[in-house]
C-alpha atoms as a PDB file:
ATOM      1  CA  MET A   1      39.760  59.775  17.141  1.00  0.00           C
ATOM      2  CA  THR A   2      39.683  58.777  20.785  1.00  0.00           C
ATOM      3  CA  THR A   3      41.486  60.492  23.610  1.00  0.00           C
ATOM      4  CA  SER A   4      42.415  57.251  25.363  1.00  0.00           C
ATOM      5  CA  GLY A   5      45.042  54.765  24.382  1.00  0.00           C
ATOM      6  CA  PRO A   6      47.429  53.910  22.997  1.00  0.00           C
ATOM      7  CA  TYR A   7      45.657  50.817  21.790  1.00  0.00           C
ATOM      8  CA  HIS A   8      47.414  47.666  20.632  1.00  0.00           C
ATOM      9  CA  VAL A   9      44.776  45.587  18.860  1.00  0.00           C
ATOM     10  CA  VAL A  10      44.822  42.281  16.997  1.00  0.00           C
ATOM     11  CA  LEU A  11      41.878  41.821  14.625  1.00  0.00           C
ATOM     12  CA  MET A  12      41.714  38.017  14.691  1.00  0.00           C
ATOM     13  CA  GLY A  13      39.754  35.327  12.917  1.00  0.00           C
ATOM     14  CA  VAL A  14      39.927  32.877  10.072  1.00  0.00           C
ATOM     15  CA  SER A  15      40.580  33.888   6.487  1.00  0.00           C
ATOM     16  CA  GLY A  16      37.644  35.743   4.953  1.00  0.00           C
ATOM     17  CA  SER A  17      36.399  37.213   8.239  1.00  0.00           C
ATOM     18  CA  GLY A  18      37.259  40.784   7.236  1.00  0.00           C
ATOM     19  CA  LYS A  19      40.282  41.354   9.455  1.00  0.00           C
ATOM     20  CA  SER A  20      42.059  43.706   7.059  1.00  0.00           C
ATOM     21  CA  THR A  21      38.972  45.668   6.023  1.00  0.00           C
ATOM     22  CA  VAL A  22      37.714  46.148   9.583  1.00  0.00           C
ATOM     23  CA  GLY A  23      41.257  46.706  10.857  1.00  0.00           C
ATOM     24  CA  GLU A  24      41.853  49.579   8.444  1.00  0.00           C
ATOM     25  CA  LEU A  25      38.549  51.205   9.433  1.00  0.00           C
ATOM     26  CA  LEU A  26      39.210  50.735  13.149  1.00  0.00           C
ATOM     27  CA  ALA A  27      42.694  52.208  12.793  1.00  0.00           C
ATOM     28  CA  GLU A  28      41.169  55.319  11.191  1.00  0.00           C
ATOM     29  CA  HIS A  29      38.613  55.602  14.013  1.00  0.00           C
ATOM     30  CA  ILE A  30      41.198  55.438  16.806  1.00  0.00           C
ATOM     31  CA  GLY A  31      44.079  57.259  15.107  1.00  0.00           C
ATOM     32  CA  ALA A  32      46.241  54.143  14.857  1.00  0.00           C
ATOM     33  CA  GLU A  33      48.628  52.695  12.341  1.00  0.00           C
ATOM     34  CA  PHE A  34      47.400  49.563  10.557  1.00  0.00           C
ATOM     35  CA  THR A  35      49.493  46.569   9.525  1.00  0.00           C
ATOM     36  CA  ASP A  36      48.238  43.466   7.786  1.00  0.00           C
ATOM     37  CA  GLY A  37      49.875  40.568   9.580  1.00  0.00           C
ATOM     38  CA  ASP A  38      50.076  38.717   6.264  1.00  0.00           C
ATOM     39  CA  ALA A  39      52.803  41.181   5.253  1.00  0.00           C
ATOM     40  CA  LEU A  40      54.902  39.989   8.207  1.00  0.00           C
ATOM     41  CA  HIS A  41      54.937  36.311   7.140  1.00  0.00           C
ATOM     42  CA  PRO A  42      58.305  34.931   6.054  1.00  0.00           C
ATOM     43  CA  GLN A  43      58.322  34.111   2.331  1.00  0.00           C
ATOM     44  CA  ALA A  44      58.497  30.388   3.116  1.00  0.00           C
ATOM     45  CA  ASN A  45      55.092  30.634   4.840  1.00  0.00           C
ATOM     46  CA  VAL A  46      53.563  32.476   1.884  1.00  0.00           C
ATOM     47  CA  ASP A  47      54.947  29.864  -0.514  1.00  0.00           C
ATOM     48  CA  LYS A  48      53.534  27.047   1.611  1.00  0.00           C
ATOM     49  CA  MET A  49      50.046  28.589   1.782  1.00  0.00           C
ATOM     50  CA  GLU A  50      50.035  29.416  -1.940  1.00  0.00           C
ATOM     51  CA  SER A  51      50.666  25.742  -2.634  1.00  0.00           C
ATOM     52  CA  GLY A  52      47.590  24.833  -0.556  1.00  0.00           C
ATOM     53  CA  LEU A  53      49.451  23.543   2.495  1.00  0.00           C
ATOM     54  CA  PRO A  54      48.413  24.683   5.978  1.00  0.00           C
ATOM     55  CA  LEU A  55      51.052  26.167   8.254  1.00  0.00           C
ATOM     56  CA  ASN A  56      52.167  24.263  11.332  1.00  0.00           C
ATOM     57  CA  ASP A  57      53.077  25.749  14.707  1.00  0.00           C
ATOM     58  CA  GLY A  58      56.764  25.778  13.793  1.00  0.00           C
ATOM     59  CA  ASP A  59      55.967  27.847  10.700  1.00  0.00           C
ATOM     60  CA  ARG A  60      53.855  30.285  12.710  1.00  0.00           C
ATOM     61  CA  LYS A  61      56.204  30.890  15.655  1.00  0.00           C
ATOM     62  CA  PRO A  62      58.626  33.374  14.010  1.00  0.00           C
ATOM     63  CA  TRP A  63      55.661  35.173  12.428  1.00  0.00           C
ATOM     64  CA  LEU A  64      53.837  35.530  15.756  1.00  0.00           C
ATOM     65  CA  GLU A  65      57.035  36.651  17.486  1.00  0.00           C
ATOM     66  CA  LYS A  66      57.477  39.322  14.812  1.00  0.00           C
ATOM     67  CA  ILE A  67      53.903  40.525  15.373  1.00  0.00           C
ATOM     68  CA  GLY A  68      54.527  40.723  19.127  1.00  0.00           C
ATOM     69  CA  ALA A  69      57.776  42.621  18.573  1.00  0.00           C
ATOM     70  CA  THR A  70      56.008  45.019  16.199  1.00  0.00           C
ATOM     71  CA  PHE A  71      53.524  45.874  18.954  1.00  0.00           C
ATOM     72  CA  ALA A  72      56.270  46.182  21.581  1.00  0.00           C
ATOM     73  CA  GLN A  73      58.153  48.670  19.386  1.00  0.00           C
ATOM     74  CA  ALA A  74      55.102  50.697  18.335  1.00  0.00           C
ATOM     75  CA  PRO A  75      55.304  54.316  19.520  1.00  0.00           C
ATOM     76  CA  GLY A  76      51.518  54.723  19.503  1.00  0.00           C
ATOM     77  CA  SER A  77      48.293  52.914  18.731  1.00  0.00           C
ATOM     78  CA  LEU A  78      48.589  49.983  16.341  1.00  0.00           C
ATOM     79  CA  VAL A  79      46.071  47.591  14.798  1.00  0.00           C
ATOM     80  CA  ILE A  80      47.335  44.355  13.237  1.00  0.00           C
ATOM     81  CA  ALA A  81      45.189  41.889  11.304  1.00  0.00           C
ATOM     82  CA  CYS A  82      46.330  38.396  12.306  1.00  0.00           C
ATOM     83  CA  SER A  83      44.474  35.095  12.389  1.00  0.00           C
ATOM     84  CA  ALA A  84      45.707  34.312  15.959  1.00  0.00           C
ATOM     85  CA  LEU A  85      43.734  31.071  15.836  1.00  0.00           C
ATOM     86  CA  LYS A  86      45.035  29.396  19.006  1.00  0.00           C
ATOM     87  CA  LYS A  87      45.358  30.680  22.545  1.00  0.00           C
ATOM     88  CA  SER A  88      49.046  29.700  22.481  1.00  0.00           C
ATOM     89  CA  TYR A  89      49.526  31.974  19.443  1.00  0.00           C
ATOM     90  CA  ARG A  90      47.815  34.860  21.220  1.00  0.00           C
ATOM     91  CA  ASP A  91      49.912  34.190  24.322  1.00  0.00           C
ATOM     92  CA  LEU A  92      53.057  34.397  22.185  1.00  0.00           C
ATOM     93  CA  ILE A  93      52.006  37.824  20.885  1.00  0.00           C
ATOM     94  CA  ARG A  94      51.131  39.048  24.393  1.00  0.00           C
ATOM     95  CA  ALA A  95      54.457  37.758  25.746  1.00  0.00           C
ATOM     96  CA  ALA A  96      56.106  40.585  23.813  1.00  0.00           C
ATOM     97  CA  ASP A  97      53.453  43.196  24.728  1.00  0.00           C
ATOM     98  CA  SER A  98      50.940  42.515  27.499  1.00  0.00           C
ATOM     99  CA  SER A  99      48.778  45.491  26.458  1.00  0.00           C
ATOM    100  CA  VAL A 100      47.586  43.697  23.289  1.00  0.00           C
ATOM    101  CA  VAL A 101      43.832  43.018  23.108  1.00  0.00           C
ATOM    102  CA  PHE A 102      41.968  40.812  20.639  1.00  0.00           C
ATOM    103  CA  ILE A 103      38.892  41.511  18.551  1.00  0.00           C
ATOM    104  CA  HIS A 104      37.667  38.210  17.119  1.00  0.00           C
ATOM    105  CA  LEU A 105      35.663  38.517  13.905  1.00  0.00           C
ATOM    106  CA  GLN A 106      33.452  35.447  13.752  1.00  0.00           C
ATOM    107  CA  GLY A 107      30.941  34.209  11.189  1.00  0.00           C
ATOM    108  CA  SER A 108      29.294  31.180   9.661  1.00  0.00           C
ATOM    109  CA  GLN A 109      31.318  28.832   7.473  1.00  0.00           C
ATOM    110  CA  LYS A 110      28.999  29.576   4.537  1.00  0.00           C
ATOM    111  CA  LEU A 111      29.541  33.341   4.800  1.00  0.00           C
ATOM    112  CA  LEU A 112      33.303  32.854   5.118  1.00  0.00           C
ATOM    113  CA  GLU A 113      33.390  30.540   2.077  1.00  0.00           C
ATOM    114  CA  ASP A 114      31.351  33.020   0.031  1.00  0.00           C
ATOM    115  CA  ARG A 115      33.729  35.844   0.924  1.00  0.00           C
ATOM    116  CA  MET A 116      36.837  33.820   0.149  1.00  0.00           C
ATOM    117  CA  THR A 117      35.628  32.663  -3.260  1.00  0.00           C
ATOM    118  CA  SER A 118      34.629  36.201  -4.265  1.00  0.00           C
ATOM    119  CA  ARG A 119      38.008  37.823  -3.560  1.00  0.00           C
ATOM    120  CA  SER A 120      41.029  37.776  -5.808  1.00  0.00           C
ATOM    121  CA  GLY A 121      44.734  38.315  -5.343  1.00  0.00           C
ATOM    122  CA  HIS A 122      45.009  36.657  -1.922  1.00  0.00           C
ATOM    123  CA  PHE A 123      47.457  33.828  -1.290  1.00  0.00           C
ATOM    124  CA  MET A 124      45.127  31.899   1.033  1.00  0.00           C
ATOM    125  CA  PRO A 125      43.037  29.459  -1.019  1.00  0.00           C
ATOM    126  CA  PRO A 126      39.458  28.736   0.138  1.00  0.00           C
ATOM    127  CA  SER A 127      40.438  25.073   0.533  1.00  0.00           C
ATOM    128  CA  LEU A 128      42.361  25.956   3.710  1.00  0.00           C
ATOM    129  CA  LEU A 129      39.301  27.433   5.480  1.00  0.00           C
ATOM    130  CA  GLU A 130      38.297  24.040   6.900  1.00  0.00           C
ATOM    131  CA  SER A 131      41.768  23.618   8.425  1.00  0.00           C
ATOM    132  CA  GLN A 132      41.577  27.079   9.997  1.00  0.00           C
ATOM    133  CA  LEU A 133      38.118  26.438  11.458  1.00  0.00           C
ATOM    134  CA  GLU A 134      39.350  23.166  12.977  1.00  0.00           C
ATOM    135  CA  THR A 135      42.360  24.956  14.487  1.00  0.00           C
ATOM    136  CA  LEU A 136      40.417  27.951  15.852  1.00  0.00           C
ATOM    137  CA  GLU A 137      40.268  28.223  19.641  1.00  0.00           C
ATOM    138  CA  PRO A 138      37.796  30.922  20.722  1.00  0.00           C
ATOM    139  CA  LEU A 139      38.895  33.588  23.177  1.00  0.00           C
ATOM    140  CA  ASP A 140      38.594  32.400  26.747  1.00  0.00           C
ATOM    141  CA  ALA A 141      37.779  34.322  29.918  1.00  0.00           C
ATOM    142  CA  THR A 142      41.476  34.897  30.691  1.00  0.00           C
ATOM    143  CA  GLU A 143      42.115  36.751  27.424  1.00  0.00           C
ATOM    144  CA  PRO A 144      41.411  40.448  26.912  1.00  0.00           C
ATOM    145  CA  GLY A 145      39.068  40.628  23.961  1.00  0.00           C
ATOM    146  CA  VAL A 146      35.640  40.631  22.406  1.00  0.00           C
ATOM    147  CA  VAL A 147      33.868  38.580  19.724  1.00  0.00           C
ATOM    148  CA  LEU A 148      31.993  40.404  16.938  1.00  0.00           C
ATOM    149  CA  ASP A 149      29.653  38.803  14.387  1.00  0.00           C
ATOM    150  CA  ILE A 150      30.697  39.482  10.783  1.00  0.00           C
ATOM    151  CA  ALA A 151      27.069  39.514   9.648  1.00  0.00           C
ATOM    152  CA  ALA A 152      27.332  43.247  10.459  1.00  0.00           C
ATOM    153  CA  SER A 153      28.935  45.602   7.930  1.00  0.00           C
ATOM    154  CA  PRO A 154      32.652  46.436   8.204  1.00  0.00           C
ATOM    155  CA  ALA A 155      31.743  49.998   9.256  1.00  0.00           C
ATOM    156  CA  GLU A 156      29.454  48.689  12.004  1.00  0.00           C
ATOM    157  CA  LEU A 157      32.115  46.245  13.168  1.00  0.00           C
ATOM    158  CA  ALA A 158      34.766  48.972  13.324  1.00  0.00           C
ATOM    159  CA  GLN A 159      32.411  51.202  15.315  1.00  0.00           C
ATOM    160  CA  SER A 160      31.558  48.348  17.720  1.00  0.00           C
ATOM    161  CA  ALA A 161      35.260  47.612  18.172  1.00  0.00           C
ATOM    162  CA  LYS A 162      35.996  51.287  18.871  1.00  0.00           C
ATOM    163  CA  LEU A 163      33.222  51.487  21.463  1.00  0.00           C
ATOM    164  CA  TRP A 164      34.488  48.302  23.140  1.00  0.00           C
ATOM    165  CA  LEU A 165      38.036  49.699  23.282  1.00  0.00           C
ATOM    166  CA  GLU A 166      36.824  52.967  24.807  1.00  0.00           C
ATOM    167  CA  LYS A 167      34.693  51.122  27.351  1.00  0.00           C
ATOM    168  CA  THR A 168      37.491  48.818  28.470  1.00  0.00           C
ATOM    169  CA  SER A 169      40.370  51.306  28.560  1.00  0.00           C
END
């Protein structure tokens, strides 16, 4: 566990990038709570994605506002896995809590497709990956964050994220 913080971290990226797996490991490393942003979606969003339809910005807004509010109300360090594909989405989260930083898990489309087809019990069908990749806006220089390559193992990614947090705090 680190002595700095508290940390408010979004593990971001498209479906299949390992946000939940790496997020849980990172939370352990920094003594934080972990929340999967998928659990904060309204049921209507889950139903839409399960039927193979991509969400629109109107669908995402209440979800992103809830994520921002969850950070703002957190008494300590918190890691949330959330796609946060567009800068405007990340801005909406940071509007509620300006201390939020982003760790973008990025990988090749082939690796992402392989991961998505090998997992079960997730409401996001692999067919929506293309839509997410088209929507994705990488972090820009004005946003607090780092990009990590998912070719590394989840343990290595969590350790890299922890070191980045310690270095930047």
